Amino acid sequence: MPDDLPDANPAAAARAHGWDLVPLLLVQEHGGATAIARCLRVLVLWNTTRTQAEIRHTYLGPAAGLRPDLAGGTS
């Protein structure tokens, strides 16, 4: 959890919105040179018949700088 969001619990918020059957993890970001204030990263896993090249990753705002190779819509 970023230091600027010490009391936030994204898993609790997700559960309050009906995600009660979904395994959720809360992991603290290491920070470093790529730290973005008040940025929460979400990893979603799902089964699909799509190929890796068909998947489009979403990076919003300043988070696009974390993975410029993916933020532009290319995999």
PDB file of N, CA and C in Angstrom:
ATOM      1  N   MET A   1       0.852  -1.177   0.000  1.00  0.00           N
ATOM      2  CA  MET A   1       0.000   0.000   0.000  1.00  0.00           C
ATOM      3  C   MET A   1       0.890   1.230   0.000  1.00  0.00           C
ATOM      4  N   PRO A   2       0.662   2.186  -0.892  1.00  0.00           N
ATOM      5  CA  PRO A   2       1.470   3.403  -0.884  1.00  0.00           C
ATOM      6  C   PRO A   2       1.355   4.114   0.459  1.00  0.00           C
ATOM      7  N   ASP A   3       2.437   4.778   0.893  1.00  0.00           N
ATOM      8  CA  ASP A   3       2.431   5.470   2.175  1.00  0.00           C
ATOM      9  C   ASP A   3       1.394   6.570   2.239  1.00  0.00           C
ATOM     10  N   ASP A   4       0.978   7.118   1.091  1.00  0.00           N
ATOM     11  CA  ASP A   4      -0.007   8.201   1.102  1.00  0.00           C
ATOM     12  C   ASP A   4      -1.442   7.674   1.218  1.00  0.00           C
ATOM     13  N   LEU A   5      -1.628   6.366   1.251  1.00  0.00           N
ATOM     14  CA  LEU A   5      -2.953   5.770   1.425  1.00  0.00           C
ATOM     15  C   LEU A   5      -2.926   4.743   2.565  1.00  0.00           C
ATOM     16  N   PRO A   6      -2.440   5.137   3.749  1.00  0.00           N
ATOM     17  CA  PRO A   6      -2.227   4.145   4.802  1.00  0.00           C
ATOM     18  C   PRO A   6      -3.496   3.490   5.326  1.00  0.00           C
ATOM     19  N   ASP A   7      -4.617   4.167   5.283  1.00  0.00           N
ATOM     20  CA  ASP A   7      -5.849   3.613   5.838  1.00  0.00           C
ATOM     21  C   ASP A   7      -6.758   2.998   4.784  1.00  0.00           C
ATOM     22  N   ALA A   8      -6.362   3.036   3.532  1.00  0.00           N
ATOM     23  CA  ALA A   8      -7.192   2.479   2.459  1.00  0.00           C
ATOM     24  C   ALA A   8      -7.037   0.962   2.416  1.00  0.00           C
ATOM     25  N   ASN A   9      -8.119   0.277   2.115  1.00  0.00           N
ATOM     26  CA  ASN A   9      -8.083  -1.169   1.965  1.00  0.00           C
ATOM     27  C   ASN A   9      -8.890  -1.521   0.721  1.00  0.00           C
ATOM     28  N   PRO A  10      -8.225  -1.599  -0.438  1.00  0.00           N
ATOM     29  CA  PRO A  10      -8.941  -1.880  -1.680  1.00  0.00           C
ATOM     30  C   PRO A  10      -9.725  -3.192  -1.640  1.00  0.00           C
ATOM     31  N   ALA A  11      -9.207  -4.208  -0.955  1.00  0.00           N
ATOM     32  CA  ALA A  11      -9.925  -5.476  -0.873  1.00  0.00           C
ATOM     33  C   ALA A  11     -11.241  -5.310  -0.128  1.00  0.00           C
ATOM     34  N   ALA A  12     -11.241  -4.554   0.968  1.00  0.00           N
ATOM     35  CA  ALA A  12     -12.473  -4.310   1.722  1.00  0.00           C
ATOM     36  C   ALA A  12     -13.475  -3.534   0.874  1.00  0.00           C
ATOM     37  N   ALA A  13     -12.983  -2.557   0.113  1.00  0.00           N
ATOM     38  CA  ALA A  13     -13.876  -1.790  -0.760  1.00  0.00           C
ATOM     39  C   ALA A  13     -14.482  -2.680  -1.840  1.00  0.00           C
ATOM     40  N   ALA A  14     -13.685  -3.560  -2.419  1.00  0.00           N
ATOM     41  CA  ALA A  14     -14.198  -4.473  -3.452  1.00  0.00           C
ATOM     42  C   ALA A  14     -15.250  -5.412  -2.865  1.00  0.00           C
ATOM     43  N   ARG A  15     -15.002  -5.920  -1.681  1.00  0.00           N
ATOM     44  CA  ARG A  15     -15.977  -6.805  -1.029  1.00  0.00           C
ATOM     45  C   ARG A  15     -17.289  -6.071  -0.757  1.00  0.00           C
ATOM     46  N   ALA A  16     -17.195  -4.803  -0.361  1.00  0.00           N
ATOM     47  CA  ALA A  16     -18.383  -3.995  -0.092  1.00  0.00           C
ATOM     48  C   ALA A  16     -19.199  -3.747  -1.359  1.00  0.00           C
ATOM     49  N   HIS A  17     -18.563  -3.933  -2.519  1.00  0.00           N
ATOM     50  CA  HIS A  17     -19.251  -3.740  -3.796  1.00  0.00           C
ATOM     51  C   HIS A  17     -19.583  -5.060  -4.487  1.00  0.00           C
ATOM     52  N   GLY A  18     -19.636  -6.136  -3.709  1.00  0.00           N
ATOM     53  CA  GLY A  18     -20.112  -7.402  -4.247  1.00  0.00           C
ATOM     54  C   GLY A  18     -19.058  -8.382  -4.717  1.00  0.00           C
ATOM     55  N   TRP A  19     -17.793  -8.073  -4.599  1.00  0.00           N
ATOM     56  CA  TRP A  19     -16.730  -8.985  -5.037  1.00  0.00           C
ATOM     57  C   TRP A  19     -16.386  -9.939  -3.905  1.00  0.00           C
ATOM     58  N   ASP A  20     -17.380 -10.622  -3.360  1.00  0.00           N
ATOM     59  CA  ASP A  20     -17.166 -11.453  -2.186  1.00  0.00           C
ATOM     60  C   ASP A  20     -16.682 -12.860  -2.509  1.00  0.00           C
ATOM     61  N   LEU A  21     -16.707 -13.276  -3.758  1.00  0.00           N
ATOM     62  CA  LEU A  21     -16.235 -14.606  -4.133  1.00  0.00           C
ATOM     63  C   LEU A  21     -14.922 -14.559  -4.910  1.00  0.00           C
ATOM     64  N   VAL A  22     -14.280 -13.396  -4.937  1.00  0.00           N
ATOM     65  CA  VAL A  22     -13.053 -13.190  -5.703  1.00  0.00           C
ATOM     66  C   VAL A  22     -11.857 -13.139  -4.761  1.00  0.00           C
ATOM     67  N   PRO A  23     -10.826 -13.969  -4.996  1.00  0.00           N
ATOM     68  CA  PRO A  23      -9.615 -13.867  -4.169  1.00  0.00           C
ATOM     69  C   PRO A  23      -8.936 -12.514  -4.416  1.00  0.00           C
ATOM     70  N   LEU A  24      -8.595 -11.824  -3.353  1.00  0.00           N
ATOM     71  CA  LEU A  24      -7.978 -10.506  -3.465  1.00  0.00           C
ATOM     72  C   LEU A  24      -6.705 -10.465  -2.636  1.00  0.00           C
ATOM     73  N   LEU A  25      -5.697  -9.766  -3.138  1.00  0.00           N
ATOM     74  CA  LEU A  25      -4.430  -9.589  -2.439  1.00  0.00           C
ATOM     75  C   LEU A  25      -4.179  -8.108  -2.231  1.00  0.00           C
ATOM     76  N   LEU A  26      -3.533  -7.767  -1.150  1.00  0.00           N
ATOM     77  CA  LEU A  26      -3.093  -6.410  -0.901  1.00  0.00           C
ATOM     78  C   LEU A  26      -1.584  -6.469  -0.713  1.00  0.00           C
ATOM     79  N   VAL A  27      -0.837  -5.813  -1.602  1.00  0.00           N
ATOM     80  CA  VAL A  27       0.623  -5.873  -1.590  1.00  0.00           C
ATOM     81  C   VAL A  27       1.154  -4.447  -1.591  1.00  0.00           C
ATOM     82  N   GLN A  28       2.152  -4.176  -0.760  1.00  0.00           N
ATOM     83  CA  GLN A  28       2.736  -2.848  -0.719  1.00  0.00           C
ATOM     84  C   GLN A  28       3.755  -2.674  -1.833  1.00  0.00           C
ATOM     85  N   GLU A  29       3.622  -1.597  -2.561  1.00  0.00           N
ATOM     86  CA  GLU A  29       4.554  -1.243  -3.640  1.00  0.00           C
ATOM     87  C   GLU A  29       5.909  -0.891  -3.050  1.00  0.00           C
ATOM     88  N   HIS A  30       6.996  -1.264  -3.712  1.00  0.00           N
ATOM     89  CA  HIS A  30       8.331  -0.977  -3.202  1.00  0.00           C
ATOM     90  C   HIS A  30       8.727   0.473  -3.376  1.00  0.00           C
ATOM     91  N   GLY A  31       8.037   1.215  -4.222  1.00  0.00           N
ATOM     92  CA  GLY A  31       8.394   2.617  -4.462  1.00  0.00           C
ATOM     93  C   GLY A  31       9.514   2.704  -5.471  1.00  0.00           C
ATOM     94  N   GLY A  32      10.545   3.422  -5.130  1.00  0.00           N
ATOM     95  CA  GLY A  32      11.668   3.560  -6.049  1.00  0.00           C
ATOM     96  C   GLY A  32      11.410   4.611  -7.105  1.00  0.00           C
ATOM     97  N   ALA A  33      12.173   4.561  -8.174  1.00  0.00           N
ATOM     98  CA  ALA A  33      12.110   5.576  -9.220  1.00  0.00           C
ATOM     99  C   ALA A  33      10.793   5.563  -9.992  1.00  0.00           C
ATOM    100  N   THR A  34      10.065   4.447  -9.968  1.00  0.00           N
ATOM    101  CA  THR A  34       8.813   4.373 -10.729  1.00  0.00           C
ATOM    102  C   THR A  34       7.582   4.611  -9.873  1.00  0.00           C
ATOM    103  N   ALA A  35       7.758   5.038  -8.622  1.00  0.00           N
ATOM    104  CA  ALA A  35       6.623   5.264  -7.735  1.00  0.00           C
ATOM    105  C   ALA A  35       5.753   6.408  -8.259  1.00  0.00           C
ATOM    106  N   ILE A  36       4.445   6.205  -8.218  1.00  0.00           N
ATOM    107  CA  ILE A  36       3.487   7.234  -8.593  1.00  0.00           C
ATOM    108  C   ILE A  36       2.567   7.428  -7.392  1.00  0.00           C
ATOM    109  N   ALA A  37       2.492   8.653  -6.891  1.00  0.00           N
ATOM    110  CA  ALA A  37       1.667   8.931  -5.714  1.00  0.00           C
ATOM    111  C   ALA A  37       0.216   8.546  -5.962  1.00  0.00           C
ATOM    112  N   ARG A  38      -0.399   7.925  -4.955  1.00  0.00           N
ATOM    113  CA  ARG A  38      -1.816   7.554  -4.955  1.00  0.00           C
ATOM    114  C   ARG A  38      -2.186   6.662  -6.136  1.00  0.00           C
ATOM    115  N   CYS A  39      -1.279   5.791  -6.516  1.00  0.00           N
ATOM    116  CA  CYS A  39      -1.502   4.875  -7.633  1.00  0.00           C
ATOM    117  C   CYS A  39      -1.739   3.471  -7.090  1.00  0.00           C
ATOM    118  N   LEU A  40      -2.853   2.870  -7.446  1.00  0.00           N
ATOM    119  CA  LEU A  40      -3.150   1.488  -7.090  1.00  0.00           C
ATOM    120  C   LEU A  40      -3.059   0.655  -8.360  1.00  0.00           C
ATOM    121  N   ARG A  41      -2.304  -0.430  -8.289  1.00  0.00           N
ATOM    122  CA  ARG A  41      -2.196  -1.329  -9.441  1.00  0.00           C
ATOM    123  C   ARG A  41      -3.148  -2.493  -9.236  1.00  0.00           C
ATOM    124  N   VAL A  42      -3.791  -2.899 -10.305  1.00  0.00           N
ATOM    125  CA  VAL A  42      -4.752  -3.994 -10.252  1.00  0.00           C
ATOM    126  C   VAL A  42      -4.331  -5.047 -11.262  1.00  0.00           C
ATOM    127  N   LEU A  43      -4.276  -6.282 -10.822  1.00  0.00           N
ATOM    128  CA  LEU A  43      -3.977  -7.407 -11.697  1.00  0.00           C
ATOM    129  C   LEU A  43      -5.243  -8.250 -11.809  1.00  0.00           C
ATOM    130  N   VAL A  44      -5.713  -8.436 -13.020  1.00  0.00           N
ATOM    131  CA  VAL A  44      -6.911  -9.235 -13.252  1.00  0.00           C
ATOM    132  C   VAL A  44      -6.520 -10.452 -14.085  1.00  0.00           C
ATOM    133  N   LEU A  45      -6.864 -11.621 -13.598  1.00  0.00           N
ATOM    134  CA  LEU A  45      -6.605 -12.867 -14.327  1.00  0.00           C
ATOM    135  C   LEU A  45      -7.934 -13.455 -14.768  1.00  0.00           C
ATOM    136  N   TRP A  46      -8.000 -13.876 -16.015  1.00  0.00           N
ATOM    137  CA  TRP A  46      -9.215 -14.523 -16.496  1.00  0.00           C
ATOM    138  C   TRP A  46      -8.871 -15.498 -17.600  1.00  0.00           C
ATOM    139  N   ASN A  47      -9.740 -16.457 -17.792  1.00  0.00           N
ATOM    140  CA  ASN A  47      -9.554 -17.440 -18.855  1.00  0.00           C
ATOM    141  C   ASN A  47     -10.144 -16.878 -20.138  1.00  0.00           C
ATOM    142  N   THR A  48      -9.419 -17.008 -21.224  1.00  0.00           N
ATOM    143  CA  THR A  48      -9.873 -16.475 -22.497  1.00  0.00           C
ATOM    144  C   THR A  48      -9.295 -17.309 -23.635  1.00  0.00           C
ATOM    145  N   THR A  49      -9.939 -17.242 -24.769  1.00  0.00           N
ATOM    146  CA  THR A  49      -9.412 -17.890 -25.966  1.00  0.00           C
ATOM    147  C   THR A  49      -8.602 -16.909 -26.809  1.00  0.00           C
ATOM    148  N   ARG A  50      -8.529 -15.652 -26.358  1.00  0.00           N
ATOM    149  CA  ARG A  50      -7.745 -14.645 -27.084  1.00  0.00           C
ATOM    150  C   ARG A  50      -6.255 -14.941 -26.978  1.00  0.00           C
ATOM    151  N   THR A  51      -5.520 -14.562 -27.998  1.00  0.00           N
ATOM    152  CA  THR A  51      -4.068 -14.712 -27.960  1.00  0.00           C
ATOM    153  C   THR A  51      -3.455 -13.538 -27.198  1.00  0.00           C
ATOM    154  N   GLN A  52      -2.191 -13.673 -26.822  1.00  0.00           N
ATOM    155  CA  GLN A  52      -1.496 -12.594 -26.113  1.00  0.00           C
ATOM    156  C   GLN A  52      -1.523 -11.297 -26.926  1.00  0.00           C
ATOM    157  N   ALA A  53      -1.381 -11.404 -28.236  1.00  0.00           N
ATOM    158  CA  ALA A  53      -1.363 -10.221 -29.101  1.00  0.00           C
ATOM    159  C   ALA A  53      -2.713  -9.510 -29.149  1.00  0.00           C
ATOM    160  N   GLU A  54      -3.785 -10.202 -28.824  1.00  0.00           N
ATOM    161  CA  GLU A  54      -5.118  -9.597 -28.848  1.00  0.00           C
ATOM    162  C   GLU A  54      -5.469  -8.857 -27.548  1.00  0.00           C
ATOM    163  N   ILE A  55      -4.676  -9.044 -26.522  1.00  0.00           N
ATOM    164  CA  ILE A  55      -4.950  -8.420 -25.234  1.00  0.00           C
ATOM    165  C   ILE A  55      -4.434  -6.983 -25.245  1.00  0.00           C
ATOM    166  N   ARG A  56      -5.263  -6.050 -24.773  1.00  0.00           N
ATOM    167  CA  ARG A  56      -4.881  -4.640 -24.678  1.00  0.00           C
ATOM    168  C   ARG A  56      -4.867  -4.250 -23.211  1.00  0.00           C
ATOM    169  N   HIS A  57      -3.728  -3.796 -22.721  1.00  0.00           N
ATOM    170  CA  HIS A  57      -3.569  -3.397 -21.333  1.00  0.00           C
ATOM    171  C   HIS A  57      -3.981  -1.936 -21.175  1.00  0.00           C
ATOM    172  N   THR A  58      -4.500  -1.595 -19.996  1.00  0.00           N
ATOM    173  CA  THR A  58      -4.947  -0.232 -19.735  1.00  0.00           C
ATOM    174  C   THR A  58      -4.100   0.407 -18.655  1.00  0.00           C
ATOM    175  N   TYR A  59      -3.467   1.512 -18.980  1.00  0.00           N
ATOM    176  CA  TYR A  59      -2.706   2.312 -18.030  1.00  0.00           C
ATOM    177  C   TYR A  59      -3.261   3.728 -18.129  1.00  0.00           C
ATOM    178  N   LEU A  60      -3.793   4.247 -17.032  1.00  0.00           N
ATOM    179  CA  LEU A  60      -4.435   5.553 -17.046  1.00  0.00           C
ATOM    180  C   LEU A  60      -3.504   6.646 -16.535  1.00  0.00           C
ATOM    181  N   GLY A  61      -3.610   7.837 -17.120  1.00  0.00           N
ATOM    182  CA  GLY A  61      -2.858   9.002 -16.658  1.00  0.00           C
ATOM    183  C   GLY A  61      -1.371   8.745 -16.567  1.00  0.00           C
ATOM    184  N   PRO A  62      -0.741   9.214 -15.478  1.00  0.00           N
ATOM    185  CA  PRO A  62       0.704   9.067 -15.307  1.00  0.00           C
ATOM    186  C   PRO A  62       1.160   7.604 -15.258  1.00  0.00           C
ATOM    187  N   ALA A  63       0.262   6.684 -14.940  1.00  0.00           N
ATOM    188  CA  ALA A  63       0.634   5.262 -14.869  1.00  0.00           C
ATOM    189  C   ALA A  63       1.072   4.741 -16.237  1.00  0.00           C
ATOM    190  N   ALA A  64       0.693   5.401 -17.317  1.00  0.00           N
ATOM    191  CA  ALA A  64       1.127   4.991 -18.653  1.00  0.00           C
ATOM    192  C   ALA A  64       2.644   4.980 -18.760  1.00  0.00           C
ATOM    193  N   GLY A  65       3.314   5.808 -17.957  1.00  0.00           N
ATOM    194  CA  GLY A  65       4.773   5.860 -17.975  1.00  0.00           C
ATOM    195  C   GLY A  65       5.424   4.624 -17.358  1.00  0.00           C
ATOM    196  N   LEU A  66       4.638   3.832 -16.608  1.00  0.00           N
ATOM    197  CA  LEU A  66       5.190   2.610 -16.021  1.00  0.00           C
ATOM    198  C   LEU A  66       5.493   1.560 -17.075  1.00  0.00           C
ATOM    199  N   ARG A  67       4.670   1.483 -18.092  1.00  0.00           N
ATOM    200  CA  ARG A  67       4.867   0.510 -19.170  1.00  0.00           C
ATOM    201  C   ARG A  67       4.521   1.171 -20.505  1.00  0.00           C
ATOM    202  N   PRO A  68       5.357   2.063 -20.995  1.00  0.00           N
ATOM    203  CA  PRO A  68       5.054   2.737 -22.266  1.00  0.00           C
ATOM    204  C   PRO A  68       4.931   1.762 -23.424  1.00  0.00           C
ATOM    205  N   ASP A  69       5.591   0.608 -23.329  1.00  0.00           N
ATOM    206  CA  ASP A  69       5.492  -0.380 -24.393  1.00  0.00           C
ATOM    207  C   ASP A  69       4.104  -0.998 -24.464  1.00  0.00           C
ATOM    208  N   LEU A  70       3.367  -1.015 -23.348  1.00  0.00           N
ATOM    209  CA  LEU A  70       2.022  -1.588 -23.327  1.00  0.00           C
ATOM    210  C   LEU A  70       0.943  -0.510 -23.341  1.00  0.00           C
ATOM    211  N   ALA A  71       1.227   0.663 -22.796  1.00  0.00           N
ATOM    212  CA  ALA A  71       0.223   1.708 -22.678  1.00  0.00           C
ATOM    213  C   ALA A  71      -0.263   2.214 -24.023  1.00  0.00           C
ATOM    214  N   GLY A  72       0.560   2.049 -25.052  1.00  0.00           N
ATOM    215  CA  GLY A  72       0.166   2.518 -26.368  1.00  0.00           C
ATOM    216  C   GLY A  72      -0.736   1.558 -27.102  1.00  0.00           C
ATOM    217  N   GLY A  73      -1.128   0.448 -26.465  1.00  0.00           N
ATOM    218  CA  GLY A  73      -2.043  -0.487 -27.094  1.00  0.00           C
ATOM    219  C   GLY A  73      -1.354  -1.626 -27.804  1.00  0.00           C
ATOM    220  N   THR A  74      -0.039  -1.729 -27.669  1.00  0.00           N
ATOM    221  CA  THR A  74       0.660  -2.846 -28.303  1.00  0.00           C
ATOM    222  C   THR A  74       1.081  -3.838 -27.246  1.00  0.00           C
ATOM    223  N   SER A  75       1.090  -5.107 -27.566  1.00  0.00           N
ATOM    224  CA  SER A  75       1.492  -6.131 -26.604  1.00  0.00           C
ATOM    225  C   SER A  75       2.809  -6.726 -27.023  1.00  0.00           C
TER     226      SER A  75
END
